[in-house]
Amino acid sequence: MSPPLILRLDISGTPVRWIPWQEAVCLYTREMVGWTTGDNAFTFLGGTSRASGQRSAVTVHSIIAVKHSQRGPHHTRLVPPLSNHDLFRRDGNLCMYCGREFPDYQLTRDHIVPLSQGGRDRWSNVVSACRGCNTRKGGRTPEQSNMPLLAVPYVPNWAEFLALSNRRILADQMEFLKSQFNHSNPRRALA
């Protein structure tokens, strides 16, 4: 099994993105890691030195903060990109009309206010819907089709987006990300 992705933070502790272990090793060897946190660390072996005869090794923590990377507006204000994969994760693979759970291939992206009525393709206007419910709703709003939503759609913050976008998150990484989730998220009140 391959090592998990490493959670890269800026120096202030704001999550930036997932990086492969190879990129993390480069950051360590260039002495760009300012601090680390988390319970997990992985040791990667390199080549053998001709001079000393010893094999090189670099220990990489699961969460690393990189020096000279300042928190910018892209971390706090950027709306994460919308994809079906991340939308279905946000909605827990549930149809937001009938409440049943479905695999990704049986879900669709439903526009609450349909595009034909001026709705936009953005997080706050889309929910996961099974094919049957999406067909039944058609080009109408939930009110027009008498199909109430089971939960309020929301725009995930960057930490929530990172959690949605990685299927192999370690417990310490998830704990770190959860500490930065939007706790006023309307979905939490309905869950």
N, C-alpha and C. Protein backbone atom coordinates (compact mmCIF):
# COMPACT_ATOMS: atom_id res chain seq x y z
N MET A 1 0.85 -1.18 0.00
CA MET A 1 0.00 0.00 0.00
C MET A 1 0.89 1.24 0.00
N SER A 2 0.56 2.19 -0.83
CA SER A 2 1.37 3.40 -0.94
C SER A 2 1.09 4.33 0.24
N PRO A 3 2.07 5.17 0.57
CA PRO A 3 1.88 6.12 1.68
C PRO A 3 0.75 7.09 1.36
N PRO A 4 0.09 7.59 2.39
CA PRO A 4 -0.99 8.55 2.17
C PRO A 4 -0.43 9.90 1.72
N LEU A 5 -1.32 10.75 1.26
CA LEU A 5 -0.92 12.12 0.93
C LEU A 5 -0.60 12.88 2.21
N ILE A 6 0.27 13.86 2.09
CA ILE A 6 0.70 14.69 3.22
C ILE A 6 -0.10 15.99 3.17
N LEU A 7 -0.57 16.43 4.34
CA LEU A 7 -1.32 17.68 4.41
C LEU A 7 -0.33 18.83 4.55
N ARG A 8 -0.29 19.69 3.52
CA ARG A 8 0.61 20.84 3.53
C ARG A 8 -0.13 22.05 4.08
N LEU A 9 0.49 22.73 5.03
CA LEU A 9 -0.05 23.96 5.63
C LEU A 9 0.86 25.12 5.27
N ASP A 10 0.33 26.34 5.35
CA ASP A 10 1.23 27.48 5.28
C ASP A 10 1.83 27.65 6.68
N ILE A 11 2.75 28.55 6.85
CA ILE A 11 3.48 28.68 8.11
C ILE A 11 2.57 29.07 9.28
N SER A 12 1.42 29.68 8.98
CA SER A 12 0.49 30.06 10.05
C SER A 12 -0.44 28.92 10.45
N GLY A 13 -0.37 27.80 9.74
CA GLY A 13 -1.19 26.64 10.09
C GLY A 13 -2.47 26.50 9.29
N THR A 14 -2.62 27.27 8.23
CA THR A 14 -3.80 27.16 7.38
C THR A 14 -3.58 26.06 6.34
N PRO A 15 -4.51 25.12 6.22
CA PRO A 15 -4.35 24.06 5.21
C PRO A 15 -4.27 24.65 3.80
N VAL A 16 -3.33 24.14 3.00
CA VAL A 16 -3.14 24.62 1.64
C VAL A 16 -3.60 23.57 0.63
N ARG A 17 -3.00 22.35 0.71
CA ARG A 17 -3.35 21.31 -0.24
C ARG A 17 -2.72 19.99 0.18
N TRP A 18 -3.14 18.93 -0.49
CA TRP A 18 -2.52 17.62 -0.31
C TRP A 18 -1.32 17.53 -1.23
N ILE A 19 -0.23 16.95 -0.74
CA ILE A 19 0.95 16.75 -1.58
C ILE A 19 1.40 15.30 -1.47
N PRO A 20 2.02 14.78 -2.53
CA PRO A 20 2.55 13.42 -2.45
C PRO A 20 3.79 13.39 -1.56
N TRP A 21 4.13 12.22 -1.06
CA TRP A 21 5.26 12.10 -0.14
C TRP A 21 6.56 12.56 -0.79
N GLN A 22 6.70 12.38 -2.11
CA GLN A 22 7.93 12.79 -2.79
C GLN A 22 8.14 14.30 -2.68
N GLU A 23 7.07 15.06 -2.82
CA GLU A 23 7.16 16.51 -2.69
C GLU A 23 7.51 16.89 -1.25
N ALA A 24 6.94 16.16 -0.30
CA ALA A 24 7.25 16.42 1.11
C ALA A 24 8.72 16.14 1.40
N VAL A 25 9.26 15.07 0.85
CA VAL A 25 10.68 14.75 1.05
C VAL A 25 11.54 15.90 0.52
N CYS A 26 11.20 16.43 -0.65
CA CYS A 26 11.95 17.57 -1.22
C CYS A 26 11.89 18.78 -0.29
N LEU A 27 10.71 19.05 0.28
CA LEU A 27 10.59 20.19 1.21
C LEU A 27 11.46 19.98 2.44
N TYR A 28 11.52 18.75 2.95
CA TYR A 28 12.38 18.45 4.10
C TYR A 28 13.85 18.64 3.74
N THR A 29 14.27 18.09 2.60
CA THR A 29 15.69 18.16 2.24
C THR A 29 16.14 19.58 1.91
N ARG A 30 15.20 20.43 1.47
CA ARG A 30 15.53 21.84 1.22
C ARG A 30 15.34 22.69 2.47
N GLU A 31 15.05 22.03 3.59
CA GLU A 31 14.87 22.69 4.90
C GLU A 31 13.77 23.75 4.84
N MET A 32 12.68 23.42 4.18
CA MET A 32 11.56 24.35 4.05
C MET A 32 10.40 24.02 5.00
N VAL A 33 10.54 22.95 5.78
CA VAL A 33 9.49 22.60 6.73
C VAL A 33 9.72 23.37 8.02
N GLY A 34 8.77 24.24 8.36
CA GLY A 34 8.89 25.07 9.56
C GLY A 34 8.53 24.33 10.83
N TRP A 35 7.45 23.56 10.77
CA TRP A 35 7.02 22.77 11.91
C TRP A 35 6.09 21.66 11.44
N THR A 36 5.89 20.69 12.30
CA THR A 36 5.04 19.54 11.97
C THR A 36 4.08 19.30 13.11
N THR A 37 3.05 18.56 12.82
CA THR A 37 2.11 18.14 13.86
C THR A 37 1.50 16.82 13.43
N GLY A 38 0.76 16.21 14.32
CA GLY A 38 0.12 14.94 14.00
C GLY A 38 0.86 13.77 14.61
N ASP A 39 0.19 12.64 14.60
CA ASP A 39 0.72 11.43 15.23
C ASP A 39 1.49 10.54 14.28
N ASN A 40 1.35 10.74 12.99
CA ASN A 40 1.93 9.82 12.02
C ASN A 40 3.18 10.40 11.36
N ALA A 41 4.17 9.53 11.19
CA ALA A 41 5.39 9.90 10.47
C ALA A 41 5.83 8.68 9.67
N PHE A 42 6.43 8.94 8.53
CA PHE A 42 6.86 7.88 7.63
C PHE A 42 8.33 8.12 7.28
N THR A 43 9.12 7.05 7.30
CA THR A 43 10.53 7.16 6.96
C THR A 43 10.75 6.59 5.57
N PHE A 44 11.38 7.41 4.73
CA PHE A 44 11.67 7.01 3.35
C PHE A 44 13.17 6.88 3.20
N LEU A 45 13.60 5.75 2.63
CA LEU A 45 15.02 5.48 2.46
C LEU A 45 15.49 5.92 1.09
N GLY A 46 16.70 6.47 1.07
CA GLY A 46 17.30 6.91 -0.19
C GLY A 46 18.46 6.01 -0.55
N GLY A 47 19.42 6.60 -1.25
CA GLY A 47 20.58 5.85 -1.69
C GLY A 47 21.64 5.74 -0.61
N THR A 48 22.70 5.01 -0.92
CA THR A 48 23.82 4.82 0.00
C THR A 48 24.95 5.77 -0.38
N SER A 49 25.48 6.46 0.61
CA SER A 49 26.58 7.40 0.39
C SER A 49 27.88 6.64 0.15
N ARG A 50 28.61 7.02 -0.89
CA ARG A 50 29.91 6.39 -1.14
C ARG A 50 30.90 6.74 -0.04
N ALA A 51 30.83 7.98 0.43
CA ALA A 51 31.79 8.45 1.43
C ALA A 51 31.59 7.75 2.77
N SER A 52 30.35 7.67 3.24
CA SER A 52 30.12 7.12 4.58
C SER A 52 29.63 5.68 4.55
N GLY A 53 29.09 5.26 3.43
CA GLY A 53 28.54 3.92 3.35
C GLY A 53 27.16 3.79 4.00
N GLN A 54 26.64 4.92 4.46
CA GLN A 54 25.33 4.88 5.12
C GLN A 54 24.22 5.24 4.14
N ARG A 55 23.09 4.65 4.41
CA ARG A 55 21.91 4.92 3.57
C ARG A 55 21.18 6.14 4.11
N SER A 56 20.76 7.02 3.21
CA SER A 56 20.04 8.21 3.65
C SER A 56 18.59 7.85 3.98
N ALA A 57 18.02 8.62 4.90
CA ALA A 57 16.63 8.42 5.30
C ALA A 57 16.02 9.77 5.64
N VAL A 58 14.78 9.96 5.27
CA VAL A 58 14.05 11.19 5.60
C VAL A 58 12.73 10.78 6.24
N THR A 59 12.45 11.33 7.43
CA THR A 59 11.19 11.07 8.11
C THR A 59 10.24 12.22 7.81
N VAL A 60 9.08 11.88 7.30
CA VAL A 60 8.08 12.86 6.88
C VAL A 60 6.85 12.71 7.77
N HIS A 61 6.42 13.81 8.36
CA HIS A 61 5.21 13.80 9.17
C HIS A 61 3.97 13.95 8.28
N SER A 62 2.84 13.54 8.79
CA SER A 62 1.61 13.56 7.99
C SER A 62 1.06 14.97 7.78
N ILE A 63 1.47 15.92 8.64
CA ILE A 63 1.03 17.31 8.52
C ILE A 63 2.27 18.20 8.65
N ILE A 64 2.55 18.99 7.61
CA ILE A 64 3.74 19.84 7.64
C ILE A 64 3.39 21.29 7.29
N ALA A 65 4.02 22.20 8.00
CA ALA A 65 3.88 23.63 7.70
C ALA A 65 5.14 24.08 6.97
N VAL A 66 4.95 24.74 5.85
CA VAL A 66 6.07 25.12 4.99
C VAL A 66 6.44 26.58 5.23
N LYS A 67 7.75 26.80 5.44
CA LYS A 67 8.27 28.16 5.62
C LYS A 67 8.06 28.97 4.35
N HIS A 68 8.03 30.27 4.51
CA HIS A 68 7.93 31.22 3.39
C HIS A 68 6.66 31.04 2.57
N SER A 69 5.66 30.45 3.18
CA SER A 69 4.36 30.40 2.50
C SER A 69 3.37 31.11 3.40
N GLN A 70 2.96 32.25 2.97
CA GLN A 70 2.06 33.08 3.77
C GLN A 70 0.62 32.77 3.43
N ARG A 71 -0.21 32.91 4.43
CA ARG A 71 -1.64 32.73 4.19
C ARG A 71 -2.10 33.87 3.29
N GLY A 72 -2.75 33.52 2.23
CA GLY A 72 -3.24 34.52 1.30
C GLY A 72 -4.74 34.42 1.16
N PRO A 73 -5.30 35.30 0.38
CA PRO A 73 -6.75 35.29 0.21
C PRO A 73 -7.26 34.00 -0.41
N HIS A 74 -6.38 33.28 -1.12
CA HIS A 74 -6.83 32.05 -1.76
C HIS A 74 -7.20 30.99 -0.74
N HIS A 75 -6.72 31.09 0.49
CA HIS A 75 -7.08 30.09 1.50
C HIS A 75 -8.37 30.42 2.22
N THR A 76 -8.63 31.67 2.45
CA THR A 76 -9.77 32.04 3.28
C THR A 76 -10.97 32.50 2.48
N ARG A 77 -10.77 32.97 1.27
CA ARG A 77 -11.87 33.53 0.51
C ARG A 77 -12.23 32.74 -0.74
N LEU A 78 -11.33 31.92 -1.21
CA LEU A 78 -11.57 31.20 -2.45
C LEU A 78 -12.67 30.16 -2.26
N VAL A 79 -13.60 30.14 -3.19
CA VAL A 79 -14.63 29.10 -3.19
C VAL A 79 -13.99 27.87 -3.83
N PRO A 80 -13.99 26.74 -3.13
CA PRO A 80 -13.38 25.54 -3.71
C PRO A 80 -14.05 25.17 -5.03
N PRO A 81 -13.30 24.57 -5.95
CA PRO A 81 -13.90 24.18 -7.23
C PRO A 81 -15.00 23.14 -7.02
N LEU A 82 -16.05 23.26 -7.79
CA LEU A 82 -17.19 22.36 -7.69
C LEU A 82 -17.02 21.20 -8.66
N SER A 83 -17.08 20.00 -8.13
CA SER A 83 -17.06 18.79 -8.97
C SER A 83 -18.12 17.84 -8.42
N ASN A 84 -18.59 16.94 -9.26
CA ASN A 84 -19.58 15.97 -8.80
C ASN A 84 -19.02 15.13 -7.66
N HIS A 85 -17.77 14.70 -7.78
CA HIS A 85 -17.14 13.89 -6.73
C HIS A 85 -17.24 14.60 -5.37
N ASP A 86 -16.83 15.85 -5.32
CA ASP A 86 -16.84 16.58 -4.05
C ASP A 86 -18.26 16.94 -3.61
N LEU A 87 -19.14 17.21 -4.55
CA LEU A 87 -20.54 17.47 -4.21
C LEU A 87 -21.17 16.24 -3.55
N PHE A 88 -20.94 15.06 -4.14
CA PHE A 88 -21.51 13.84 -3.58
C PHE A 88 -20.93 13.55 -2.20
N ARG A 89 -19.63 13.85 -1.99
CA ARG A 89 -19.03 13.68 -0.65
C ARG A 89 -19.68 14.65 0.33
N ARG A 90 -19.85 15.93 -0.10
CA ARG A 90 -20.47 16.92 0.78
C ARG A 90 -21.84 16.44 1.26
N ASP A 91 -22.61 15.87 0.36
CA ASP A 91 -23.97 15.44 0.68
C ASP A 91 -24.04 14.01 1.21
N GLY A 92 -22.89 13.42 1.49
CA GLY A 92 -22.86 12.08 2.08
C GLY A 92 -23.42 10.99 1.18
N ASN A 93 -23.32 11.21 -0.14
CA ASN A 93 -23.85 10.28 -1.14
C ASN A 93 -25.35 10.02 -0.97
N LEU A 94 -26.04 11.02 -0.41
CA LEU A 94 -27.49 10.93 -0.23
C LEU A 94 -28.19 11.78 -1.28
N CYS A 95 -29.33 11.28 -1.74
CA CYS A 95 -30.19 12.10 -2.58
C CYS A 95 -30.86 13.10 -1.64
N MET A 96 -30.75 14.37 -1.94
CA MET A 96 -31.30 15.40 -1.05
C MET A 96 -32.81 15.58 -1.21
N TYR A 97 -33.44 14.69 -1.98
CA TYR A 97 -34.90 14.71 -2.11
C TYR A 97 -35.53 13.49 -1.45
N CYS A 98 -35.05 12.29 -1.76
CA CYS A 98 -35.65 11.08 -1.17
C CYS A 98 -34.89 10.59 0.06
N GLY A 99 -33.64 11.05 0.24
CA GLY A 99 -32.87 10.68 1.42
C GLY A 99 -32.17 9.35 1.34
N ARG A 100 -32.26 8.66 0.22
CA ARG A 100 -31.59 7.37 0.09
C ARG A 100 -30.12 7.56 -0.31
N GLU A 101 -29.31 6.59 0.09
CA GLU A 101 -27.88 6.62 -0.24
C GLU A 101 -27.65 5.90 -1.57
N PHE A 102 -26.74 6.47 -2.38
CA PHE A 102 -26.45 5.91 -3.70
C PHE A 102 -24.95 5.96 -3.95
N PRO A 103 -24.44 5.03 -4.79
CA PRO A 103 -23.05 5.17 -5.24
C PRO A 103 -22.96 6.35 -6.21
N ASP A 104 -21.76 6.85 -6.39
CA ASP A 104 -21.55 8.03 -7.25
C ASP A 104 -22.22 7.89 -8.62
N TYR A 105 -22.08 6.73 -9.24
CA TYR A 105 -22.57 6.59 -10.62
C TYR A 105 -24.10 6.65 -10.72
N GLN A 106 -24.80 6.58 -9.59
CA GLN A 106 -26.26 6.68 -9.62
C GLN A 106 -26.75 8.05 -9.15
N LEU A 107 -25.82 8.96 -8.87
CA LEU A 107 -26.19 10.31 -8.45
C LEU A 107 -25.98 11.31 -9.58
N THR A 108 -26.71 12.41 -9.50
CA THR A 108 -26.57 13.50 -10.46
C THR A 108 -26.45 14.81 -9.70
N ARG A 109 -25.98 15.82 -10.38
CA ARG A 109 -25.93 17.17 -9.82
C ARG A 109 -27.24 17.87 -10.16
N ASP A 110 -28.02 18.21 -9.14
CA ASP A 110 -29.28 18.90 -9.38
C ASP A 110 -29.14 20.37 -9.03
N HIS A 111 -29.60 21.22 -9.91
CA HIS A 111 -29.61 22.67 -9.67
C HIS A 111 -30.93 23.03 -9.01
N ILE A 112 -30.87 23.53 -7.79
CA ILE A 112 -32.08 23.87 -7.04
C ILE A 112 -32.92 24.86 -7.83
N VAL A 113 -32.32 25.98 -8.19
CA VAL A 113 -32.94 26.88 -9.17
C VAL A 113 -32.34 26.46 -10.50
N PRO A 114 -33.14 25.85 -11.37
CA PRO A 114 -32.60 25.30 -12.62
C PRO A 114 -31.88 26.36 -13.46
N LEU A 115 -30.90 25.90 -14.21
CA LEU A 115 -30.17 26.80 -15.11
C LEU A 115 -31.14 27.49 -16.06
N SER A 116 -32.19 26.79 -16.47
CA SER A 116 -33.17 27.36 -17.40
C SER A 116 -33.97 28.51 -16.77
N GLN A 117 -33.93 28.59 -15.43
CA GLN A 117 -34.64 29.68 -14.74
C GLN A 117 -33.65 30.70 -14.17
N GLY A 118 -32.42 30.66 -14.64
CA GLY A 118 -31.42 31.64 -14.20
C GLY A 118 -30.56 31.19 -13.04
N GLY A 119 -30.70 29.94 -12.62
CA GLY A 119 -29.86 29.42 -11.54
C GLY A 119 -28.41 29.31 -11.98
N ARG A 120 -27.52 29.26 -11.01
CA ARG A 120 -26.09 29.20 -11.31
C ARG A 120 -25.53 27.84 -10.90
N ASP A 121 -24.42 27.48 -11.52
CA ASP A 121 -23.73 26.23 -11.20
C ASP A 121 -22.71 26.53 -10.10
N ARG A 122 -23.19 26.60 -8.87
CA ARG A 122 -22.32 26.89 -7.73
C ARG A 122 -22.79 26.08 -6.53
N TRP A 123 -21.88 25.94 -5.55
CA TRP A 123 -22.14 25.11 -4.37
C TRP A 123 -23.49 25.41 -3.72
N SER A 124 -23.84 26.67 -3.59
CA SER A 124 -25.06 27.04 -2.87
C SER A 124 -26.34 26.78 -3.66
N ASN A 125 -26.22 26.35 -4.92
CA ASN A 125 -27.40 26.09 -5.75
C ASN A 125 -27.45 24.65 -6.25
N VAL A 126 -26.60 23.78 -5.75
CA VAL A 126 -26.61 22.39 -6.22
C VAL A 126 -26.67 21.42 -5.05
N VAL A 127 -27.31 20.29 -5.32
CA VAL A 127 -27.37 19.19 -4.36
C VAL A 127 -27.23 17.88 -5.13
N SER A 128 -26.93 16.81 -4.40
CA SER A 128 -26.92 15.48 -4.99
C SER A 128 -28.35 14.99 -5.11
N ALA A 129 -28.66 14.37 -6.23
CA ALA A 129 -30.00 13.81 -6.44
C ALA A 129 -29.86 12.50 -7.21
N CYS A 130 -30.68 11.53 -6.83
CA CYS A 130 -30.70 10.29 -7.61
C CYS A 130 -31.34 10.60 -8.96
N ARG A 131 -31.11 9.74 -9.91
CA ARG A 131 -31.62 9.98 -11.26
C ARG A 131 -33.15 10.10 -11.27
N GLY A 132 -33.81 9.26 -10.49
CA GLY A 132 -35.27 9.29 -10.45
C GLY A 132 -35.81 10.61 -9.94
N CYS A 133 -35.25 11.09 -8.83
CA CYS A 133 -35.72 12.37 -8.26
C CYS A 133 -35.38 13.54 -9.17
N ASN A 134 -34.19 13.51 -9.78
CA ASN A 134 -33.80 14.60 -10.66
C ASN A 134 -34.72 14.66 -11.89
N THR A 135 -35.07 13.49 -12.41
CA THR A 135 -35.98 13.45 -13.56
C THR A 135 -37.37 13.94 -13.15
N ARG A 136 -37.83 13.49 -11.98
CA ARG A 136 -39.15 13.91 -11.51
C ARG A 136 -39.22 15.41 -11.27
N LYS A 137 -38.14 15.98 -10.72
CA LYS A 137 -38.11 17.42 -10.45
C LYS A 137 -38.05 18.20 -11.77
N GLY A 138 -37.32 17.67 -12.73
CA GLY A 138 -37.23 18.31 -14.04
C GLY A 138 -36.64 19.71 -13.95
N GLY A 139 -37.11 20.61 -14.79
CA GLY A 139 -36.60 21.98 -14.82
C GLY A 139 -37.37 22.91 -13.91
N ARG A 140 -37.72 22.40 -12.72
CA ARG A 140 -38.50 23.20 -11.76
C ARG A 140 -37.73 23.35 -10.46
N THR A 141 -38.13 24.29 -9.65
CA THR A 141 -37.56 24.45 -8.30
C THR A 141 -38.19 23.40 -7.39
N PRO A 142 -37.61 23.16 -6.22
CA PRO A 142 -38.24 22.22 -5.28
C PRO A 142 -39.69 22.61 -4.94
N GLU A 143 -39.93 23.90 -4.79
CA GLU A 143 -41.29 24.36 -4.48
C GLU A 143 -42.24 24.07 -5.64
N GLN A 144 -41.80 24.36 -6.85
CA GLN A 144 -42.64 24.15 -8.03
C GLN A 144 -42.96 22.67 -8.25
N SER A 145 -42.03 21.80 -7.86
CA SER A 145 -42.22 20.36 -8.07
C SER A 145 -42.74 19.66 -6.81
N ASN A 146 -42.99 20.42 -5.74
CA ASN A 146 -43.45 19.86 -4.47
C ASN A 146 -42.51 18.77 -3.96
N MET A 147 -41.19 19.04 -4.06
CA MET A 147 -40.15 18.12 -3.61
C MET A 147 -39.21 18.88 -2.68
N PRO A 148 -39.54 18.96 -1.39
CA PRO A 148 -38.70 19.74 -0.48
C PRO A 148 -37.30 19.13 -0.31
N LEU A 149 -36.34 20.01 -0.14
CA LEU A 149 -34.96 19.58 0.13
C LEU A 149 -34.86 19.05 1.56
N LEU A 150 -34.04 18.02 1.74
CA LEU A 150 -33.83 17.45 3.07
C LEU A 150 -32.75 18.19 3.85
N ALA A 151 -31.93 18.96 3.16
CA ALA A 151 -30.85 19.70 3.81
C ALA A 151 -30.53 20.94 2.99
N VAL A 152 -29.96 21.91 3.64
CA VAL A 152 -29.60 23.17 3.00
C VAL A 152 -28.22 23.03 2.36
N PRO A 153 -28.07 23.37 1.08
CA PRO A 153 -26.74 23.31 0.48
C PRO A 153 -25.84 24.38 1.07
N TYR A 154 -24.55 24.12 1.09
CA TYR A 154 -23.60 25.08 1.64
C TYR A 154 -22.30 25.05 0.84
N VAL A 155 -21.56 26.12 0.97
CA VAL A 155 -20.24 26.21 0.34
C VAL A 155 -19.22 25.74 1.36
N PRO A 156 -18.50 24.64 1.09
CA PRO A 156 -17.50 24.19 2.05
C PRO A 156 -16.34 25.17 2.13
N ASN A 157 -15.78 25.35 3.35
CA ASN A 157 -14.57 26.16 3.44
C ASN A 157 -13.41 25.31 2.93
N TRP A 158 -12.21 25.89 2.90
CA TRP A 158 -11.08 25.19 2.29
C TRP A 158 -10.73 23.91 3.04
N ALA A 159 -10.79 23.92 4.38
CA ALA A 159 -10.48 22.71 5.16
C ALA A 159 -11.51 21.62 4.86
N GLU A 160 -12.78 21.99 4.78
CA GLU A 160 -13.82 21.01 4.44
C GLU A 160 -13.60 20.46 3.04
N PHE A 161 -13.23 21.33 2.12
CA PHE A 161 -12.97 20.90 0.75
C PHE A 161 -11.82 19.88 0.71
N LEU A 162 -10.75 20.15 1.45
CA LEU A 162 -9.63 19.21 1.47
C LEU A 162 -10.06 17.86 2.03
N ALA A 163 -10.91 17.88 3.05
CA ALA A 163 -11.42 16.62 3.61
C ALA A 163 -12.29 15.88 2.60
N LEU A 164 -13.07 16.62 1.83
CA LEU A 164 -13.94 16.00 0.82
C LEU A 164 -13.14 15.40 -0.33
N SER A 165 -12.00 16.00 -0.65
CA SER A 165 -11.28 15.64 -1.87
C SER A 165 -10.28 14.50 -1.71
N ASN A 166 -10.07 14.00 -0.49
CA ASN A 166 -9.09 12.94 -0.27
C ASN A 166 -9.80 11.76 0.39
N ARG A 167 -9.74 10.61 -0.23
CA ARG A 167 -10.41 9.42 0.32
C ARG A 167 -9.58 8.69 1.36
N ARG A 168 -8.29 8.99 1.46
CA ARG A 168 -7.41 8.26 2.38
C ARG A 168 -6.81 9.21 3.41
N ILE A 169 -7.65 9.82 4.19
CA ILE A 169 -7.18 10.77 5.21
C ILE A 169 -6.85 10.01 6.48
N LEU A 170 -5.69 10.31 7.04
CA LEU A 170 -5.31 9.72 8.32
C LEU A 170 -6.08 10.40 9.44
N ALA A 171 -6.23 9.70 10.56
CA ALA A 171 -7.02 10.22 11.69
C ALA A 171 -6.48 11.57 12.17
N ASP A 172 -5.15 11.71 12.27
CA ASP A 172 -4.60 12.98 12.76
C ASP A 172 -4.85 14.12 11.76
N GLN A 173 -4.81 13.81 10.47
CA GLN A 173 -5.10 14.82 9.45
C GLN A 173 -6.56 15.26 9.53
N MET A 174 -7.47 14.29 9.70
CA MET A 174 -8.89 14.63 9.79
C MET A 174 -9.17 15.44 11.04
N GLU A 175 -8.55 15.09 12.14
CA GLU A 175 -8.73 15.86 13.37
C GLU A 175 -8.27 17.30 13.18
N PHE A 176 -7.13 17.48 12.52
CA PHE A 176 -6.62 18.83 12.25
C PHE A 176 -7.59 19.60 11.36
N LEU A 177 -8.04 18.97 10.28
CA LEU A 177 -8.96 19.65 9.36
C LEU A 177 -10.28 19.98 10.04
N LYS A 178 -10.81 19.04 10.83
CA LYS A 178 -12.10 19.27 11.51
C LYS A 178 -12.04 20.48 12.44
N SER A 179 -10.87 20.73 13.01
CA SER A 179 -10.74 21.89 13.90
C SER A 179 -10.94 23.20 13.15
N GLN A 180 -10.86 23.15 11.81
CA GLN A 180 -11.01 24.36 11.00
C GLN A 180 -12.28 24.35 10.15
N PHE A 181 -13.15 23.37 10.41
CA PHE A 181 -14.43 23.33 9.68
C PHE A 181 -15.30 24.49 10.12
N ASN A 182 -16.23 24.86 9.26
CA ASN A 182 -17.19 25.92 9.55
C ASN A 182 -18.26 25.34 10.47
N HIS A 183 -18.16 25.67 11.77
CA HIS A 183 -19.07 25.06 12.75
C HIS A 183 -20.47 25.65 12.70
N SER A 184 -20.68 26.71 11.93
CA SER A 184 -22.02 27.26 11.78
C SER A 184 -22.69 26.73 10.52
N ASN A 185 -22.11 25.68 9.95
CA ASN A 185 -22.62 25.06 8.74
C ASN A 185 -24.07 24.63 8.95
N PRO A 186 -25.00 25.05 8.09
CA PRO A 186 -26.42 24.72 8.28
C PRO A 186 -26.70 23.22 8.23
N ARG A 187 -25.87 22.44 7.52
CA ARG A 187 -26.10 21.00 7.41
C ARG A 187 -25.93 20.32 8.77
N ARG A 188 -25.03 20.84 9.62
CA ARG A 188 -24.79 20.21 10.91
C ARG A 188 -26.04 20.23 11.78
N ALA A 189 -26.84 21.26 11.66
CA ALA A 189 -28.06 21.36 12.46
C ALA A 189 -29.09 20.33 12.02
N LEU A 190 -29.01 19.89 10.76
CA LEU A 190 -29.98 18.94 10.24
C LEU A 190 -29.54 17.50 10.43
N ALA A 191 -28.26 17.29 10.68
CA ALA A 191 -27.73 15.93 10.77
C ALA A 191 -28.07 15.26 12.08
